[in-house]
Amino acid sequence: MRLVMVGSGYVGLVSGACFADFGHYVICVDKVPEKIEALSNARIPIFEPGLADLVKNNLNAGRLHFSLDLAGAVKDADAVFVAVGTPARRGDGHADLGYVYAAVEEVAKASTGYTVIVTKSTVPVGTGDEVERIVRSVNPDADIDVVSNPEFLREGAAIADFKRPDRIVIGTESDRASEVMREIYRPLYLNEAPFLRCDRRTSELIKYASNAFLAMKISFINEMADLCEKVGADVQKVAKGIGLDKRIGDKFLHAGPGYGGSCFPKDTLALVKTAQDHETSLSLIEATVTFNDKRKRAMARKVIAACDGNVRGKKVAVLGLTFKPNTDDMREAPSISIIQALQDNGADVFAFDPEGMEAARSHVEGVTYGKGVYDIATDAHALVIVTEWDVFRALDFGRLKQIMASPVIVDLRNVYNEPEVSRFGFRYVGIGR
């Protein structure tokens, strides 16, 4: 089938490349000439494992194309996926749908023949209704159906998530549009990936509800970690004990410095705002948002406490900047608040991340970036593990003991445990233990 991706960012690029790998003819459209030129030459602007090869292979096969010409791409398309950003709107926290509505208007003007417009972007309940209104207003004679098809991609594992999904949600009342969507996803259907067809508003809410529930799960185990520290329990054993219950599961029960990234922070906030607009209380989600915001700076206080209550004039080495491993995404990363709080208390912060240092420069100031772990650890008074990259899982503690000014390890991801680190003469501080 002929597919168009409006927006060549994270979701649009991964989805477009995977659809092309299924055998569809895909055009990814964007408004930034430099981005289109780079992508057309298989230069990928984001770090996602396996994506560069996937794009290159499908470019070479002639199934994947990149273009600035939205009208030309839409003209013969069977389906047009809108995959533009929906950031939190400055001032009130609602999802900013300006990019979505602008894209839909252009698509409606250019559409010829039957076309399915698919909202891939994360959008609040009722957005599909407004999209349909825009289409009818711009092009009353358009033969168009509007479908909600939320994405559930984890950064760092997006290709695997796309090709082996837990579920595929299709929100539409149109049988005709549903058949088009099933044909698009037919390779997955043959692999028995679960399809859930529902109405459009339900589909839109599924995405927000999923992210909010996972965010709550993260905040729950982080609260349990705080209690574990007070009562002398081990949060990792607590997580394992409750995670073995099949009704709960073990995913997202890893205590740490709080959630970040492109989805959870803005989606939980947008869901709260939607509920407020409809005079409904989401007290659990509201508490999750508040707790997560406070937790990030609380992690800085943990570092300060490990340094005998004072980091003024001391060098603190931070391992990991991105909100999770295997991505270069710095959006709402816990490291930002932690570093800023340490700097507010007079610390001299050095940092290393395998992929995120360039992106970090626009989020935090006054940080010295190093070439590796032992580079930034030299003469440091504390080493802080913020992101659990694999490269940080086999540290040479004997070497660190020799080069650090003070033997303090603050492990905000519980990569290690106290006995294996303290035997080298370190003071070890983990989470919830």
Protein backbone atom coordinates (compact mmCIF):
# COMPACT_ATOMS: atom_id res chain seq x y z
CA MET A 1 0.00 0.00 0.00
CA ARG A 2 1.02 3.63 -0.41
CA LEU A 3 1.54 5.27 2.96
CA VAL A 4 2.54 8.78 4.04
CA MET A 5 4.07 9.75 7.37
CA VAL A 6 3.55 13.41 8.20
CA GLY A 7 6.40 14.16 10.57
CA SER A 8 9.81 12.48 10.40
CA GLY A 9 10.62 12.62 14.08
CA TYR A 10 10.97 9.64 16.38
CA VAL A 11 7.52 8.08 15.88
CA GLY A 12 7.21 8.95 12.19
CA LEU A 13 10.67 7.76 11.26
CA VAL A 14 10.51 4.47 13.16
CA SER A 15 6.97 3.73 11.95
CA GLY A 16 7.74 4.70 8.36
CA ALA A 17 10.87 2.58 8.21
CA CYS A 18 9.09 -0.43 9.73
CA PHE A 19 6.10 -0.12 7.38
CA ALA A 20 8.52 0.02 4.45
CA ASP A 21 10.22 -3.09 5.80
CA PHE A 22 6.81 -4.79 5.65
CA GLY A 23 6.80 -4.10 1.90
CA HIS A 24 4.67 -0.95 1.76
CA TYR A 25 5.66 2.11 -0.28
CA VAL A 26 6.28 4.86 2.29
CA ILE A 27 6.96 8.58 2.00
CA CYS A 28 8.02 10.39 5.17
CA VAL A 29 7.35 14.13 4.98
CA ASP A 30 8.84 16.94 7.04
CA LYS A 31 9.14 20.72 6.79
CA VAL A 32 12.86 20.93 7.63
CA PRO A 33 14.98 20.73 4.43
CA GLU A 34 18.15 19.77 6.30
CA LYS A 35 16.42 16.84 7.97
CA ILE A 36 14.98 15.55 4.70
CA GLU A 37 18.35 15.84 2.97
CA ALA A 38 20.07 13.96 5.79
CA LEU A 39 17.44 11.20 5.92
CA SER A 40 17.49 10.81 2.14
CA ASN A 41 21.18 10.01 2.52
CA ALA A 42 20.54 7.59 5.41
CA ARG A 43 21.93 9.98 8.03
CA ILE A 44 19.77 9.52 11.12
CA PRO A 45 19.33 12.53 13.47
CA ILE A 46 18.38 10.40 16.50
CA PHE A 47 19.97 7.43 18.24
CA GLU A 48 17.81 4.31 18.14
CA PRO A 49 19.42 0.85 17.91
CA GLY A 50 18.95 -0.71 14.48
CA LEU A 51 17.18 2.27 12.93
CA ALA A 52 20.06 3.46 10.73
CA ASP A 53 20.37 0.07 9.02
CA LEU A 54 16.60 -0.24 8.63
CA VAL A 55 16.36 3.16 6.93
CA LYS A 56 19.34 2.50 4.69
CA ASN A 57 18.09 -0.91 3.58
CA ASN A 58 14.62 0.35 2.67
CA LEU A 59 15.98 3.43 0.94
CA ASN A 60 18.13 1.16 -1.21
CA ALA A 61 15.14 -1.10 -1.90
CA GLY A 62 13.11 1.87 -3.13
CA ARG A 63 10.33 1.39 -0.57
CA LEU A 64 11.19 4.34 1.67
CA HIS A 65 11.39 7.98 0.57
CA PHE A 66 11.70 11.36 2.24
CA SER A 67 10.11 14.54 0.93
CA LEU A 68 9.23 18.17 1.67
CA ASP A 69 6.22 17.97 -0.68
CA LEU A 70 3.23 16.99 1.43
CA ALA A 71 0.65 17.61 -1.27
CA GLY A 72 2.52 15.49 -3.79
CA ALA A 73 2.93 12.65 -1.32
CA VAL A 74 -0.71 12.67 -0.20
CA LYS A 75 -2.20 12.73 -3.70
CA ASP A 76 -2.02 8.96 -4.28
CA ALA A 77 -1.85 7.76 -0.67
CA ASP A 78 -4.06 5.02 0.74
CA ALA A 79 -3.41 6.20 4.28
CA VAL A 80 -1.76 9.27 5.79
CA PHE A 81 -0.35 8.95 9.30
CA VAL A 82 -0.07 12.16 11.31
CA ALA A 83 2.97 11.71 13.55
CA VAL A 84 3.85 15.26 14.54
CA GLY A 85 4.68 16.43 18.06
CA THR A 86 2.10 17.20 20.73
CA PRO A 87 4.24 18.88 23.42
CA ALA A 88 2.80 20.23 26.64
CA ARG A 89 1.46 23.71 25.91
CA ARG A 90 3.40 26.40 27.69
CA GLY A 91 1.42 27.96 30.49
CA ASP A 92 -1.35 25.43 31.12
CA GLY A 93 0.06 21.92 30.47
CA HIS A 94 -2.55 20.93 27.87
CA ALA A 95 -1.30 19.05 24.82
CA ASP A 96 -0.46 21.50 22.03
CA LEU A 97 -2.39 20.25 18.99
CA GLY A 98 -1.39 23.06 16.66
CA TYR A 99 0.96 20.87 14.62
CA VAL A 100 -1.67 18.13 14.31
CA TYR A 101 -4.41 20.44 13.08
CA ALA A 102 -2.10 22.24 10.64
CA ALA A 103 -0.98 18.91 9.16
CA VAL A 104 -4.57 17.67 8.83
CA GLU A 105 -5.62 20.82 7.01
CA GLU A 106 -2.86 20.37 4.44
CA VAL A 107 -3.69 16.69 4.01
CA ALA A 108 -7.39 17.41 3.50
CA LYS A 109 -6.63 19.97 0.81
CA ALA A 110 -4.37 17.60 -1.11
CA SER A 111 -6.39 14.40 -0.77
CA THR A 112 -7.80 12.75 -3.89
CA GLY A 113 -9.81 9.54 -3.81
CA TYR A 114 -10.48 7.53 -0.67
CA THR A 115 -7.91 8.24 2.04
CA VAL A 116 -7.63 7.21 5.66
CA ILE A 117 -6.16 9.89 7.93
CA VAL A 118 -4.57 8.18 10.92
CA THR A 119 -3.61 10.05 14.11
CA LYS A 120 -0.41 8.38 15.30
CA SER A 121 0.47 11.32 17.52
CA THR A 122 -0.58 11.08 21.16
CA VAL A 123 -3.69 13.25 21.34
CA PRO A 124 -6.37 13.96 23.98
CA VAL A 125 -9.83 12.42 23.84
CA GLY A 126 -11.96 14.09 21.20
CA THR A 127 -9.10 15.15 18.92
CA GLY A 128 -10.32 12.82 16.17
CA ASP A 129 -13.68 14.58 16.19
CA GLU A 130 -11.98 17.93 15.64
CA VAL A 131 -9.78 16.42 12.92
CA GLU A 132 -12.88 15.22 11.11
CA ARG A 133 -14.48 18.66 11.48
CA ILE A 134 -11.39 20.29 9.95
CA VAL A 135 -11.45 17.84 7.03
CA ARG A 136 -15.13 18.52 6.28
CA SER A 137 -14.56 22.27 6.57
CA VAL A 138 -11.50 22.36 4.30
CA ASN A 139 -12.68 19.80 1.73
CA PRO A 140 -16.41 19.00 2.04
CA ASP A 141 -16.27 16.52 -0.84
CA ALA A 142 -13.28 14.58 0.48
CA ASP A 143 -13.69 10.82 0.70
CA ILE A 144 -11.86 10.49 4.01
CA ASP A 145 -12.12 8.47 7.22
CA VAL A 146 -10.32 9.50 10.40
CA VAL A 147 -8.77 6.75 12.53
CA SER A 148 -6.95 6.73 15.86
CA ASN A 149 -3.95 4.38 15.94
CA PRO A 150 -1.77 5.19 18.98
CA GLU A 151 1.85 4.10 19.14
CA PHE A 152 3.36 2.12 22.01
CA LEU A 153 7.06 2.37 21.23
CA ARG A 154 9.75 2.31 23.90
CA GLU A 155 12.78 4.39 23.06
CA GLY A 156 15.76 2.06 22.75
CA ALA A 157 13.55 -0.87 21.71
CA ALA A 158 11.23 0.79 19.20
CA ILE A 159 11.81 -1.49 16.21
CA ALA A 160 11.19 -4.63 18.24
CA ASP A 161 8.09 -3.04 19.76
CA PHE A 162 6.74 -2.14 16.32
CA LYS A 163 7.36 -5.54 14.79
CA ARG A 164 6.33 -7.58 17.84
CA PRO A 165 3.68 -5.43 19.52
CA ASP A 166 1.68 -6.29 22.60
CA ARG A 167 -1.39 -4.97 20.78
CA ILE A 168 -2.50 -2.86 17.85
CA VAL A 169 -5.30 -0.43 18.69
CA ILE A 170 -7.52 0.82 15.88
CA GLY A 171 -10.10 3.44 16.77
CA THR A 172 -12.79 3.81 14.10
CA GLU A 173 -16.50 3.25 13.53
CA SER A 174 -15.87 2.73 9.80
CA ASP A 175 -15.62 -0.86 8.53
CA ARG A 176 -13.99 0.45 5.35
CA ALA A 177 -11.24 2.23 7.29
CA SER A 178 -10.81 -0.79 9.54
CA GLU A 179 -10.12 -3.00 6.54
CA VAL A 180 -7.48 -0.56 5.27
CA MET A 181 -5.78 -0.58 8.67
CA ARG A 182 -5.84 -4.38 8.83
CA GLU A 183 -4.23 -4.56 5.38
CA ILE A 184 -1.52 -2.13 6.48
CA TYR A 185 -0.77 -4.23 9.55
CA ARG A 186 -1.38 -7.56 7.80
CA PRO A 187 2.18 -8.88 8.41
CA LEU A 188 1.57 -8.51 12.13
CA TYR A 189 -1.93 -9.91 11.89
CA LEU A 190 -0.50 -13.07 10.34
CA ASN A 191 1.88 -13.27 13.30
CA GLU A 192 -1.18 -13.20 15.58
CA ALA A 193 -0.49 -9.78 17.09
CA PRO A 194 -3.61 -8.83 19.12
CA PHE A 195 -5.86 -6.34 17.31
CA LEU A 196 -8.24 -4.21 19.34
CA ARG A 197 -10.85 -2.32 17.38
CA CYS A 198 -12.82 0.25 19.31
CA ASP A 199 -14.37 3.68 18.87
CA ARG A 200 -12.03 6.60 18.26
CA ARG A 201 -12.38 8.25 21.68
CA THR A 202 -11.65 4.99 23.48
CA SER A 203 -8.53 4.50 21.36
CA GLU A 204 -7.30 8.00 22.21
CA LEU A 205 -7.80 7.36 25.92
CA ILE A 206 -6.06 3.95 25.84
CA LYS A 207 -2.74 5.62 25.04
CA TYR A 208 -2.96 8.12 27.90
CA ALA A 209 -4.28 5.55 30.34
CA SER A 210 -1.43 3.15 29.49
CA ASN A 211 1.27 5.76 30.07
CA ALA A 212 -0.37 7.07 33.23
CA PHE A 213 -0.63 3.58 34.70
CA LEU A 214 3.03 2.83 34.00
CA ALA A 215 4.05 6.20 35.46
CA MET A 216 2.01 5.38 38.58
CA LYS A 217 3.75 2.03 38.84
CA ILE A 218 7.17 3.73 38.75
CA SER A 219 6.16 6.27 41.40
CA PHE A 220 4.64 3.52 43.54
CA ILE A 221 7.85 1.51 43.73
CA ASN A 222 9.84 4.70 44.35
CA GLU A 223 7.59 5.49 47.31
CA MET A 224 8.12 1.93 48.55
CA ALA A 225 11.87 2.50 48.18
CA ASP A 226 11.66 5.51 50.50
CA LEU A 227 9.78 3.40 53.05
CA CYS A 228 12.30 0.57 52.69
CA GLU A 229 15.12 2.93 53.61
CA LYS A 230 13.26 4.00 56.75
CA VAL A 231 12.34 0.53 57.99
CA GLY A 232 15.41 -1.40 56.86
CA ALA A 233 13.88 -3.42 54.01
CA ASP A 234 15.19 -4.12 50.49
CA VAL A 235 13.11 -2.58 47.72
CA GLN A 236 14.50 -4.94 45.10
CA LYS A 237 13.23 -7.94 47.05
CA VAL A 238 9.92 -6.14 47.62
CA ALA A 239 9.62 -5.52 43.87
CA LYS A 240 10.43 -9.14 43.09
CA GLY A 241 7.97 -10.35 45.69
CA ILE A 242 5.05 -8.35 44.34
CA GLY A 243 6.13 -8.67 40.70
CA LEU A 244 5.80 -12.44 40.80
CA ASP A 245 2.07 -11.92 41.27
CA LYS A 246 0.73 -12.28 37.73
CA ARG A 247 -1.90 -9.65 38.45
CA ILE A 248 0.88 -7.11 39.00
CA GLY A 249 3.87 -8.24 36.92
CA ASP A 250 7.50 -7.20 37.31
CA LYS A 251 7.73 -4.51 34.63
CA PHE A 252 8.29 -0.90 35.73
CA LEU A 253 8.99 -1.93 39.32
CA HIS A 254 12.59 -0.74 39.38
CA ALA A 255 13.26 1.95 41.95
CA GLY A 256 15.19 4.94 40.67
CA PRO A 257 15.35 8.73 40.37
CA GLY A 258 11.91 9.12 38.72
CA TYR A 259 10.56 8.88 35.20
CA GLY A 260 11.35 11.23 32.31
CA GLY A 261 11.34 11.13 28.53
CA SER A 262 9.07 12.35 25.79
CA CYS A 263 5.87 10.57 26.90
CA PHE A 264 5.20 10.03 30.59
CA PRO A 265 5.69 13.62 31.86
CA LYS A 266 3.60 15.34 29.19
CA ASP A 267 0.99 12.59 28.88
CA THR A 268 0.24 12.33 32.59
CA LEU A 269 -0.08 16.12 32.75
CA ALA A 270 -2.31 16.22 29.66
CA LEU A 271 -4.55 13.50 31.11
CA VAL A 272 -4.94 15.49 34.33
CA LYS A 273 -5.87 18.59 32.31
CA THR A 274 -8.41 16.63 30.26
CA ALA A 275 -10.03 15.35 33.45
CA GLN A 276 -10.17 18.88 34.88
CA ASP A 277 -11.84 20.13 31.71
CA HIS A 278 -14.52 17.46 32.23
CA GLU A 279 -14.81 18.14 35.98
CA THR A 280 -13.40 14.74 36.90
CA SER A 281 -10.75 14.13 39.57
CA LEU A 282 -7.73 11.96 38.77
CA SER A 283 -6.17 12.18 42.21
CA LEU A 284 -3.89 9.16 41.70
CA ILE A 285 -2.41 10.63 38.52
CA GLU A 286 -2.12 14.08 40.09
CA ALA A 287 -0.21 12.57 43.03
CA THR A 288 2.03 10.68 40.60
CA VAL A 289 2.96 13.88 38.76
CA THR A 290 3.67 15.74 42.01
CA PHE A 291 5.71 12.92 43.53
CA ASN A 292 7.82 12.45 40.40
CA ASP A 293 8.67 16.15 40.19
CA LYS A 294 9.82 16.19 43.82
CA ARG A 295 11.73 12.95 43.55
CA LYS A 296 14.29 14.18 41.07
CA ARG A 297 15.61 16.91 43.36
CA ALA A 298 15.36 14.52 46.31
CA MET A 299 17.98 12.40 44.54
CA ALA A 300 20.35 15.36 44.64
CA ARG A 301 19.81 15.59 48.40
CA LYS A 302 20.76 11.90 48.62
CA VAL A 303 24.06 12.67 46.87
CA ILE A 304 24.69 15.63 49.18
CA ALA A 305 23.99 13.49 52.25
CA ALA A 306 26.46 10.86 50.99
CA CYS A 307 29.07 13.64 50.83
CA ASP A 308 28.59 14.38 54.55
CA GLY A 309 25.98 17.02 53.84
CA ASN A 310 28.16 19.36 51.80
CA VAL A 311 29.14 19.42 48.11
CA ARG A 312 30.25 23.02 47.91
CA GLY A 313 33.52 23.16 46.00
CA LYS A 314 33.49 19.41 45.49
CA LYS A 315 33.66 17.55 42.19
CA VAL A 316 30.70 15.26 41.51
CA ALA A 317 30.95 12.84 38.58
CA VAL A 318 27.61 11.94 36.96
CA LEU A 319 27.34 8.73 34.90
CA GLY A 320 24.42 8.87 32.48
CA LEU A 321 22.40 11.86 31.31
CA THR A 322 19.59 10.54 29.10
CA PHE A 323 16.30 9.55 30.73
CA LYS A 324 16.99 5.87 29.93
CA PRO A 325 19.70 3.80 28.19
CA ASN A 326 19.91 3.25 24.42
CA THR A 327 18.63 6.70 23.47
CA ASP A 328 19.99 10.22 23.16
CA ASP A 329 16.74 11.72 24.46
CA MET A 330 17.20 14.28 27.25
CA ARG A 331 13.57 15.39 27.54
CA GLU A 332 12.55 15.59 31.22
CA ALA A 333 15.56 13.43 32.14
CA PRO A 334 16.07 13.12 35.93
CA SER A 335 19.72 14.09 35.41
CA ILE A 336 18.65 17.66 34.60
CA SER A 337 17.05 18.34 37.98
CA ILE A 338 19.74 16.39 39.83
CA ILE A 339 22.58 18.33 38.21
CA GLN A 340 20.87 21.69 38.70
CA ALA A 341 20.25 20.94 42.38
CA LEU A 342 23.87 19.87 42.88
CA GLN A 343 25.06 23.05 41.19
CA ASP A 344 22.69 25.11 43.35
CA ASN A 345 24.49 23.63 46.34
CA GLY A 346 27.93 24.55 44.99
CA ALA A 347 29.04 21.30 43.37
CA ASP A 348 31.33 21.22 40.33
CA VAL A 349 29.60 18.69 38.05
CA PHE A 350 31.39 16.52 35.50
CA ALA A 351 29.39 14.11 33.32
CA PHE A 352 29.65 11.33 30.78
CA ASP A 353 26.97 9.63 28.68
CA PRO A 354 27.57 7.31 25.69
CA GLU A 355 25.02 9.12 23.48
CA GLY A 356 23.45 12.04 25.31
CA MET A 357 26.16 14.63 25.89
CA GLU A 358 25.49 16.72 22.79
CA ALA A 359 21.77 16.89 23.55
CA ALA A 360 22.48 17.63 27.21
CA ARG A 361 24.28 20.87 26.37
CA SER A 362 20.97 22.58 25.61
CA HIS A 363 19.39 21.37 28.88
CA VAL A 364 22.03 22.04 31.53
CA GLU A 365 24.77 24.64 31.78
CA GLY A 366 28.07 24.71 33.59
CA VAL A 367 28.76 20.98 33.21
CA THR A 368 32.14 19.64 32.14
CA TYR A 369 31.75 16.66 29.81
CA GLY A 370 34.38 13.94 29.79
CA LYS A 371 35.62 11.21 27.46
CA GLY A 372 34.66 8.32 29.71
CA VAL A 373 34.01 7.06 33.22
CA TYR A 374 37.57 7.25 34.51
CA ASP A 375 38.16 10.63 32.92
CA ILE A 376 35.38 12.32 34.91
CA ALA A 377 35.97 10.19 38.04
CA THR A 378 39.53 11.46 38.49
CA ASP A 379 39.66 13.58 41.69
CA ALA A 380 35.88 13.28 42.14
CA HIS A 381 34.38 13.33 45.63
CA ALA A 382 31.39 11.25 44.53
CA LEU A 383 30.43 9.11 41.55
CA VAL A 384 26.70 9.10 40.80
CA ILE A 385 25.03 6.53 38.50
CA VAL A 386 21.95 8.21 37.04
CA THR A 387 21.29 6.17 33.86
CA GLU A 388 21.92 2.41 33.74
CA TRP A 389 23.86 2.15 30.47
CA ASP A 390 25.53 -1.25 30.00
CA VAL A 391 28.94 0.40 29.95
CA PHE A 392 28.43 1.33 33.62
CA ARG A 393 27.67 -2.24 34.74
CA ALA A 394 31.26 -3.46 34.99
CA LEU A 395 33.16 -0.62 36.64
CA ASP A 396 36.73 -1.19 37.84
CA PHE A 397 36.31 -0.20 41.49
CA GLY A 398 39.96 -0.84 42.26
CA ARG A 399 40.94 1.73 39.66
CA LEU A 400 38.23 4.14 40.81
CA LYS A 401 39.47 3.93 44.40
CA GLN A 402 42.91 5.01 43.26
CA ILE A 403 41.83 8.01 41.17
CA MET A 404 38.90 9.45 43.16
CA ALA A 405 39.41 12.11 45.82
CA SER A 406 36.79 10.47 48.03
CA PRO A 407 35.46 6.88 47.78
CA VAL A 408 31.71 7.54 47.47
CA ILE A 409 29.37 5.77 45.05
CA VAL A 410 25.73 6.87 44.81
CA ASP A 411 23.87 4.32 42.69
CA LEU A 412 20.46 5.75 41.75
CA ARG A 413 19.63 2.69 39.61
CA ASN A 414 20.73 -0.11 41.97
CA VAL A 415 23.10 -1.46 39.33
CA TYR A 416 25.34 -2.77 42.12
CA ASN A 417 24.88 -3.83 45.72
CA GLU A 418 26.61 -2.68 48.87
CA PRO A 419 28.81 -5.74 49.62
CA GLU A 420 30.44 -5.93 46.17
CA VAL A 421 31.33 -2.20 46.25
CA SER A 422 32.19 -1.64 49.90
CA ARG A 423 34.89 -4.36 49.84
CA PHE A 424 36.95 -1.95 47.73
CA GLY A 425 36.71 0.66 50.48
CA PHE A 426 33.81 2.65 49.06
CA ARG A 427 30.85 4.16 50.81
CA TYR A 428 27.93 2.85 48.76
CA VAL A 429 24.46 4.41 48.70
CA GLY A 430 21.69 2.78 46.71
CA ILE A 431 17.93 3.24 46.45
CA GLY A 432 15.53 1.66 48.93
CA ARG A 433 18.12 -0.56 50.63
